[in-house]
């Protein structure tokens, strides 16, 4: 007696098994990393920079964080992986739905706008971290 092999059911079983095992592996490495809160204050010659974005990037690790400056010149970042970061400050970019008019931002000198050229560095340690950078 021949048994009939149902291809659609076997295919679905294999696909379901693949999806379940793939999802089981997602997030495991991220969960084990220690993280901290970071508050960064950006000033220009002592005055708060109230428009712009702050980016942190850990060289070679692919870890990073980004936030938008508030009216006090601060950005608060949650769950930043511990480590050494390069920091850049860029003019606000806006979105397609909320474009920002092009203008000069003399309070964000060009040397701070790229992670490769910015001299700003931050070492994020366990606990709460506060950094203040005065752009000149």
N, C-alpha and C. Protein backbone atom coordinates (compact mmCIF):
# COMPACT_ATOMS: atom_id res chain seq x y z
N UNK A 1 0.84 -1.17 0.00
CA UNK A 1 0.00 0.00 0.00
C UNK A 1 0.89 1.24 0.00
N UNK A 2 0.64 2.14 -0.88
CA UNK A 2 1.41 3.37 -1.00
C UNK A 2 0.79 4.46 -0.13
N UNK A 3 1.67 5.18 0.56
CA UNK A 3 1.19 6.33 1.33
C UNK A 3 1.32 7.57 0.47
N UNK A 4 0.36 8.39 0.61
CA UNK A 4 0.37 9.64 -0.15
C UNK A 4 1.09 10.71 0.67
N UNK A 5 2.09 11.32 0.07
CA UNK A 5 2.87 12.37 0.73
C UNK A 5 2.29 13.72 0.33
N UNK A 6 1.84 14.46 1.30
CA UNK A 6 1.23 15.76 1.02
C UNK A 6 2.29 16.84 1.06
N UNK A 7 2.68 17.32 -0.07
CA UNK A 7 3.73 18.33 -0.19
C UNK A 7 3.37 19.63 0.52
N UNK A 8 2.16 20.17 0.38
CA UNK A 8 1.88 21.44 1.05
C UNK A 8 2.03 21.36 2.56
N UNK A 9 1.61 20.28 3.19
CA UNK A 9 1.73 20.17 4.65
C UNK A 9 3.19 20.02 5.07
N UNK A 10 3.96 19.25 4.33
CA UNK A 10 5.38 19.09 4.65
C UNK A 10 6.10 20.43 4.47
N UNK A 11 5.79 21.13 3.42
CA UNK A 11 6.41 22.43 3.16
C UNK A 11 6.09 23.41 4.29
N UNK A 12 4.83 23.43 4.69
CA UNK A 12 4.43 24.33 5.79
C UNK A 12 5.14 23.97 7.08
N UNK A 13 5.29 22.69 7.35
CA UNK A 13 5.98 22.26 8.57
C UNK A 13 7.44 22.70 8.56
N UNK A 14 8.11 22.55 7.43
CA UNK A 14 9.51 22.97 7.31
C UNK A 14 9.63 24.48 7.46
N UNK A 15 8.75 25.22 6.82
CA UNK A 15 8.79 26.68 6.91
C UNK A 15 8.54 27.14 8.34
N UNK A 16 7.58 26.54 9.01
CA UNK A 16 7.28 26.90 10.39
C UNK A 16 8.47 26.61 11.30
N UNK A 17 9.10 25.47 11.12
CA UNK A 17 10.28 25.12 11.90
C UNK A 17 11.41 26.12 11.66
N UNK A 18 11.60 26.53 10.41
CA UNK A 18 12.64 27.50 10.06
C UNK A 18 12.38 28.85 10.74
N UNK A 19 11.15 29.31 10.67
CA UNK A 19 10.80 30.59 11.28
C UNK A 19 10.99 30.55 12.79
N UNK A 20 10.53 29.49 13.43
CA UNK A 20 10.64 29.38 14.89
C UNK A 20 12.10 29.35 15.33
N UNK A 21 12.94 28.58 14.65
CA UNK A 21 14.35 28.51 15.06
C UNK A 21 15.07 29.82 14.77
N UNK A 22 14.69 30.51 13.71
CA UNK A 22 15.31 31.80 13.41
C UNK A 22 14.94 32.83 14.47
N UNK A 23 13.67 32.89 14.81
CA UNK A 23 13.23 33.86 15.82
C UNK A 23 13.80 33.55 17.19
N UNK A 24 14.01 32.30 17.49
CA UNK A 24 14.57 31.94 18.79
C UNK A 24 15.98 32.50 18.95
N UNK A 25 16.70 32.65 17.86
CA UNK A 25 18.06 33.19 17.92
C UNK A 25 18.12 34.69 17.90
N UNK A 26 17.05 35.36 17.55
CA UNK A 26 17.06 36.82 17.46
C UNK A 26 17.04 37.45 18.84
N UNK A 27 17.86 38.47 19.02
CA UNK A 27 17.82 39.24 20.25
C UNK A 27 18.65 38.69 21.37
N UNK A 28 19.12 37.48 21.27
CA UNK A 28 19.88 36.89 22.36
C UNK A 28 21.15 37.64 22.66
N UNK A 29 21.90 38.02 21.64
CA UNK A 29 23.16 38.73 21.86
C UNK A 29 22.89 40.12 22.43
N UNK A 30 21.85 40.78 21.96
CA UNK A 30 21.54 42.13 22.42
C UNK A 30 21.12 42.13 23.89
N UNK A 31 20.40 41.10 24.31
CA UNK A 31 19.92 41.04 25.68
C UNK A 31 21.05 40.94 26.69
N UNK A 32 22.16 40.32 26.32
CA UNK A 32 23.26 40.12 27.24
C UNK A 32 24.17 41.33 27.41
N UNK A 33 23.99 42.34 26.59
CA UNK A 33 24.86 43.52 26.65
C UNK A 33 24.40 44.45 27.77
N UNK A 34 25.37 44.95 28.53
CA UNK A 34 25.05 45.89 29.61
C UNK A 34 24.81 47.27 29.01
N UNK A 35 23.80 47.95 29.55
CA UNK A 35 23.39 49.24 29.01
C UNK A 35 23.25 50.27 30.12
N UNK A 36 23.25 51.53 29.73
CA UNK A 36 23.14 52.62 30.70
C UNK A 36 22.37 53.79 30.09
N UNK A 37 21.98 54.71 30.97
CA UNK A 37 21.34 55.95 30.53
C UNK A 37 22.41 57.00 30.30
N UNK A 38 22.20 57.82 29.27
CA UNK A 38 23.17 58.86 28.92
C UNK A 38 22.43 60.18 28.71
N UNK A 39 22.93 61.23 29.34
CA UNK A 39 22.44 62.59 29.10
C UNK A 39 23.61 63.40 28.55
N UNK A 40 23.39 64.02 27.40
CA UNK A 40 24.43 64.83 26.77
C UNK A 40 23.91 66.25 26.64
N UNK A 41 24.73 67.21 27.07
CA UNK A 41 24.42 68.63 26.92
C UNK A 41 25.39 69.21 25.91
N UNK A 42 24.84 69.91 24.92
CA UNK A 42 25.66 70.55 23.88
C UNK A 42 25.49 72.06 23.99
N UNK A 43 26.62 72.75 24.12
CA UNK A 43 26.62 74.22 24.13
C UNK A 43 27.58 74.72 23.05
N UNK A 44 27.40 75.96 22.68
CA UNK A 44 28.32 76.63 21.76
C UNK A 44 28.74 77.92 22.44
N UNK A 45 30.01 78.00 22.80
CA UNK A 45 30.53 79.14 23.55
C UNK A 45 29.68 79.42 24.79
N UNK A 46 29.24 78.35 25.46
CA UNK A 46 28.50 78.47 26.71
C UNK A 46 26.99 78.54 26.58
N UNK A 47 26.46 78.76 25.37
CA UNK A 47 25.01 78.85 25.17
C UNK A 47 24.47 77.51 24.65
N UNK A 48 23.31 77.07 25.14
CA UNK A 48 22.75 75.79 24.70
C UNK A 48 22.49 75.76 23.19
N UNK A 49 22.83 74.65 22.56
CA UNK A 49 22.48 74.40 21.16
C UNK A 49 21.12 73.70 21.21
N UNK A 50 20.08 74.37 20.73
CA UNK A 50 18.71 73.86 20.90
C UNK A 50 18.15 73.17 19.67
N UNK A 51 18.89 73.15 18.58
CA UNK A 51 18.45 72.47 17.37
C UNK A 51 19.57 71.58 16.88
N UNK A 52 19.26 70.34 16.62
CA UNK A 52 20.26 69.43 16.08
C UNK A 52 20.09 68.02 16.59
N UNK A 53 20.89 67.14 16.04
CA UNK A 53 20.88 65.73 16.42
C UNK A 53 22.25 65.34 16.94
N UNK A 54 22.26 64.48 17.94
CA UNK A 54 23.50 63.97 18.52
C UNK A 54 23.58 62.49 18.20
N UNK A 55 24.72 62.07 17.66
CA UNK A 55 24.93 60.65 17.33
C UNK A 55 26.13 60.12 18.09
N UNK A 56 26.00 58.91 18.59
CA UNK A 56 27.10 58.18 19.22
C UNK A 56 27.35 56.93 18.39
N UNK A 57 28.63 56.62 18.13
CA UNK A 57 28.96 55.41 17.40
C UNK A 57 30.20 54.78 18.00
N UNK A 58 30.10 53.50 18.33
CA UNK A 58 31.23 52.75 18.87
C UNK A 58 32.01 52.20 17.68
N UNK A 59 33.27 52.57 17.57
CA UNK A 59 34.03 52.19 16.40
C UNK A 59 34.22 50.68 16.31
N UNK A 60 33.94 50.16 15.13
CA UNK A 60 34.13 48.75 14.85
C UNK A 60 33.11 47.81 15.45
N UNK A 61 32.22 48.29 16.27
CA UNK A 61 31.26 47.40 16.95
C UNK A 61 29.85 47.50 16.38
N UNK A 62 29.57 48.56 15.63
CA UNK A 62 28.23 48.72 15.09
C UNK A 62 27.21 49.20 16.10
N UNK A 63 27.64 49.49 17.31
CA UNK A 63 26.72 49.99 18.33
C UNK A 63 26.60 51.50 18.18
N UNK A 64 25.42 52.02 18.41
CA UNK A 64 25.25 53.46 18.33
C UNK A 64 23.95 53.90 18.97
N UNK A 65 23.79 55.21 19.05
CA UNK A 65 22.57 55.81 19.59
C UNK A 65 22.43 57.19 18.97
N UNK A 66 21.21 57.69 18.95
CA UNK A 66 20.96 59.01 18.39
C UNK A 66 19.78 59.64 19.11
N UNK A 67 19.84 60.96 19.24
CA UNK A 67 18.73 61.69 19.83
C UNK A 67 18.72 63.13 19.34
N UNK A 68 17.60 63.80 19.53
CA UNK A 68 17.42 65.18 19.10
C UNK A 68 17.53 66.11 20.30
N UNK A 69 18.27 67.19 20.11
CA UNK A 69 18.46 68.17 21.19
C UNK A 69 17.14 68.84 21.55
N UNK A 70 16.95 69.09 22.85
CA UNK A 70 15.75 69.80 23.30
C UNK A 70 16.07 71.28 23.52
N UNK A 71 15.11 72.02 24.06
CA UNK A 71 15.27 73.46 24.25
C UNK A 71 16.34 73.82 25.27
N UNK A 72 16.80 72.85 26.05
CA UNK A 72 17.89 73.08 27.01
C UNK A 72 19.25 72.68 26.45
N UNK A 73 19.26 72.23 25.20
CA UNK A 73 20.51 71.77 24.61
C UNK A 73 20.91 70.38 25.07
N UNK A 74 19.92 69.60 25.50
CA UNK A 74 20.21 68.25 26.00
C UNK A 74 19.52 67.18 25.17
N UNK A 75 20.11 66.00 25.22
CA UNK A 75 19.49 64.81 24.66
C UNK A 75 19.64 63.71 25.71
N UNK A 76 18.56 62.98 25.93
CA UNK A 76 18.58 61.87 26.88
C UNK A 76 18.41 60.58 26.11
N UNK A 77 19.36 59.67 26.31
CA UNK A 77 19.36 58.39 25.60
C UNK A 77 19.21 57.26 26.60
N UNK A 78 18.35 56.33 26.31
CA UNK A 78 18.12 55.18 27.18
C UNK A 78 18.79 53.95 26.57
N UNK A 79 19.23 53.05 27.40
CA UNK A 79 19.74 51.75 26.99
C UNK A 79 20.88 51.84 25.97
N UNK A 80 21.87 52.64 26.28
CA UNK A 80 23.08 52.74 25.45
C UNK A 80 24.06 51.67 25.94
N UNK A 81 24.56 50.87 25.02
CA UNK A 81 25.50 49.80 25.37
C UNK A 81 26.78 50.42 25.92
N UNK A 82 27.32 49.85 26.99
CA UNK A 82 28.54 50.36 27.61
C UNK A 82 29.70 50.29 26.63
N UNK A 83 30.55 51.34 26.65
CA UNK A 83 31.72 51.35 25.78
C UNK A 83 32.16 52.75 25.43
N UNK A 84 33.17 52.84 24.55
CA UNK A 84 33.73 54.12 24.10
C UNK A 84 33.10 54.52 22.77
N UNK A 85 32.67 55.77 22.70
CA UNK A 85 31.96 56.26 21.53
C UNK A 85 32.59 57.53 20.96
N UNK A 86 32.48 57.68 19.65
CA UNK A 86 32.70 58.96 18.99
C UNK A 86 31.35 59.65 18.97
N UNK A 87 31.36 60.98 19.10
CA UNK A 87 30.12 61.74 19.18
C UNK A 87 30.13 62.82 18.10
N UNK A 88 29.01 62.95 17.39
CA UNK A 88 28.87 64.04 16.42
C UNK A 88 27.59 64.81 16.70
N UNK A 89 27.58 66.06 16.27
CA UNK A 89 26.42 66.93 16.42
C UNK A 89 26.13 67.48 15.03
N UNK A 90 24.91 67.25 14.54
CA UNK A 90 24.55 67.69 13.19
C UNK A 90 23.32 68.58 13.23
N UNK A 91 23.18 69.47 12.25
CA UNK A 91 21.95 70.24 12.15
C UNK A 91 20.76 69.30 12.00
N UNK A 92 19.57 69.75 12.39
CA UNK A 92 18.40 68.88 12.27
C UNK A 92 18.14 68.50 10.82
N UNK A 93 17.70 67.25 10.62
CA UNK A 93 17.48 66.77 9.26
C UNK A 93 16.02 66.83 8.84
N UNK A 94 15.11 66.69 9.78
CA UNK A 94 13.70 66.67 9.43
C UNK A 94 13.32 65.35 8.77
N UNK A 95 12.09 65.27 8.30
CA UNK A 95 11.58 64.09 7.62
C UNK A 95 10.84 64.54 6.37
N UNK A 96 10.51 63.60 5.47
CA UNK A 96 9.74 64.01 4.29
C UNK A 96 8.40 64.65 4.67
N UNK A 97 7.79 64.18 5.76
CA UNK A 97 6.52 64.76 6.20
C UNK A 97 6.70 66.06 6.96
N UNK A 98 7.88 66.28 7.53
CA UNK A 98 8.15 67.47 8.32
C UNK A 98 9.52 68.03 7.95
N UNK A 99 9.64 68.59 6.73
CA UNK A 99 10.95 69.09 6.31
C UNK A 99 11.37 70.32 7.12
N UNK A 100 12.66 70.45 7.30
CA UNK A 100 13.21 71.59 8.02
C UNK A 100 13.84 72.52 7.00
N UNK A 101 13.50 73.81 7.06
CA UNK A 101 14.07 74.75 6.09
C UNK A 101 15.60 74.75 6.17
N UNK A 102 16.22 74.83 5.01
CA UNK A 102 17.68 74.90 4.95
C UNK A 102 18.13 76.25 5.50
N UNK A 103 19.08 76.20 6.42
CA UNK A 103 19.68 77.41 6.95
C UNK A 103 21.05 77.06 7.51
N UNK A 104 21.81 78.05 7.79
CA UNK A 104 23.13 77.83 8.38
C UNK A 104 22.97 77.59 9.88
N UNK A 105 23.84 76.79 10.43
CA UNK A 105 23.86 76.54 11.87
C UNK A 105 25.27 76.85 12.36
N UNK A 106 25.58 78.15 12.54
CA UNK A 106 26.93 78.51 12.96
C UNK A 106 27.28 78.01 14.36
N UNK A 107 26.26 77.64 15.14
CA UNK A 107 26.52 77.12 16.49
C UNK A 107 26.90 75.63 16.48
N UNK A 108 26.93 75.03 15.29
CA UNK A 108 27.43 73.66 15.14
C UNK A 108 28.56 73.71 14.10
N UNK A 109 29.78 74.00 14.54
CA UNK A 109 30.90 74.07 13.60
C UNK A 109 31.08 72.75 12.83
N UNK A 110 31.57 72.87 11.61
CA UNK A 110 31.68 71.72 10.69
C UNK A 110 32.49 70.56 11.27
N UNK A 111 33.50 70.85 12.07
CA UNK A 111 34.35 69.76 12.58
C UNK A 111 33.61 68.79 13.49
N UNK A 112 32.44 69.18 14.00
CA UNK A 112 31.67 68.30 14.89
C UNK A 112 30.57 67.53 14.17
N UNK A 113 30.41 67.75 12.88
CA UNK A 113 29.26 67.22 12.15
C UNK A 113 29.42 65.79 11.65
N UNK A 114 30.63 65.26 11.61
CA UNK A 114 30.81 63.87 11.19
C UNK A 114 31.53 63.10 12.28
N UNK A 115 31.19 61.84 12.39
CA UNK A 115 31.83 60.99 13.40
C UNK A 115 33.32 60.83 13.13
N UNK A 116 33.71 60.86 11.85
CA UNK A 116 35.11 60.68 11.50
C UNK A 116 35.97 61.87 11.89
N UNK A 117 35.42 63.07 11.86
CA UNK A 117 36.21 64.28 12.13
C UNK A 117 35.99 64.85 13.53
N UNK A 118 34.90 64.50 14.17
CA UNK A 118 34.59 65.09 15.47
C UNK A 118 35.59 64.64 16.53
N UNK A 119 36.11 65.60 17.31
CA UNK A 119 37.02 65.25 18.40
C UNK A 119 36.27 64.79 19.67
N UNK A 120 34.94 64.84 19.64
CA UNK A 120 34.16 64.52 20.83
C UNK A 120 34.14 63.01 21.08
N UNK A 121 34.40 62.63 22.33
CA UNK A 121 34.42 61.22 22.73
C UNK A 121 33.64 61.07 24.03
N UNK A 122 33.02 59.91 24.22
CA UNK A 122 32.29 59.63 25.45
C UNK A 122 32.49 58.17 25.83
N UNK A 123 32.81 57.94 27.09
CA UNK A 123 32.90 56.57 27.60
C UNK A 123 31.67 56.31 28.47
N UNK A 124 30.80 55.43 27.99
CA UNK A 124 29.57 55.10 28.70
C UNK A 124 29.87 53.96 29.66
N UNK A 125 29.61 54.22 30.95
CA UNK A 125 29.85 53.24 32.01
C UNK A 125 28.52 52.85 32.64
N UNK A 126 28.54 51.83 33.49
CA UNK A 126 27.33 51.41 34.18
C UNK A 126 26.78 52.56 35.02
N UNK A 127 25.46 52.65 35.11
CA UNK A 127 24.83 53.73 35.87
C UNK A 127 24.39 54.86 34.96
N UNK A 128 24.31 56.05 35.54
CA UNK A 128 23.90 57.23 34.79
C UNK A 128 25.14 57.97 34.31
N UNK A 129 25.13 58.38 33.06
CA UNK A 129 26.26 59.08 32.45
C UNK A 129 25.82 60.46 31.99
N UNK A 130 26.60 61.48 32.35
CA UNK A 130 26.31 62.85 31.91
C UNK A 130 27.55 63.43 31.26
N UNK A 131 27.36 63.95 30.05
CA UNK A 131 28.47 64.56 29.31
C UNK A 131 28.04 65.95 28.88
N UNK A 132 28.98 66.90 28.95
CA UNK A 132 28.75 68.26 28.44
C UNK A 132 29.86 68.57 27.46
N UNK A 133 29.46 68.99 26.27
CA UNK A 133 30.42 69.36 25.23
C UNK A 133 30.16 70.79 24.82
N UNK A 134 31.19 71.64 24.91
CA UNK A 134 31.09 73.03 24.47
C UNK A 134 31.77 73.14 23.11
N UNK A 135 30.98 73.37 22.08
CA UNK A 135 31.51 73.48 20.72
C UNK A 135 32.13 74.85 20.53
N UNK A 136 33.33 74.89 19.97
CA UNK A 136 34.03 76.18 19.77
C UNK A 136 34.23 76.43 18.29
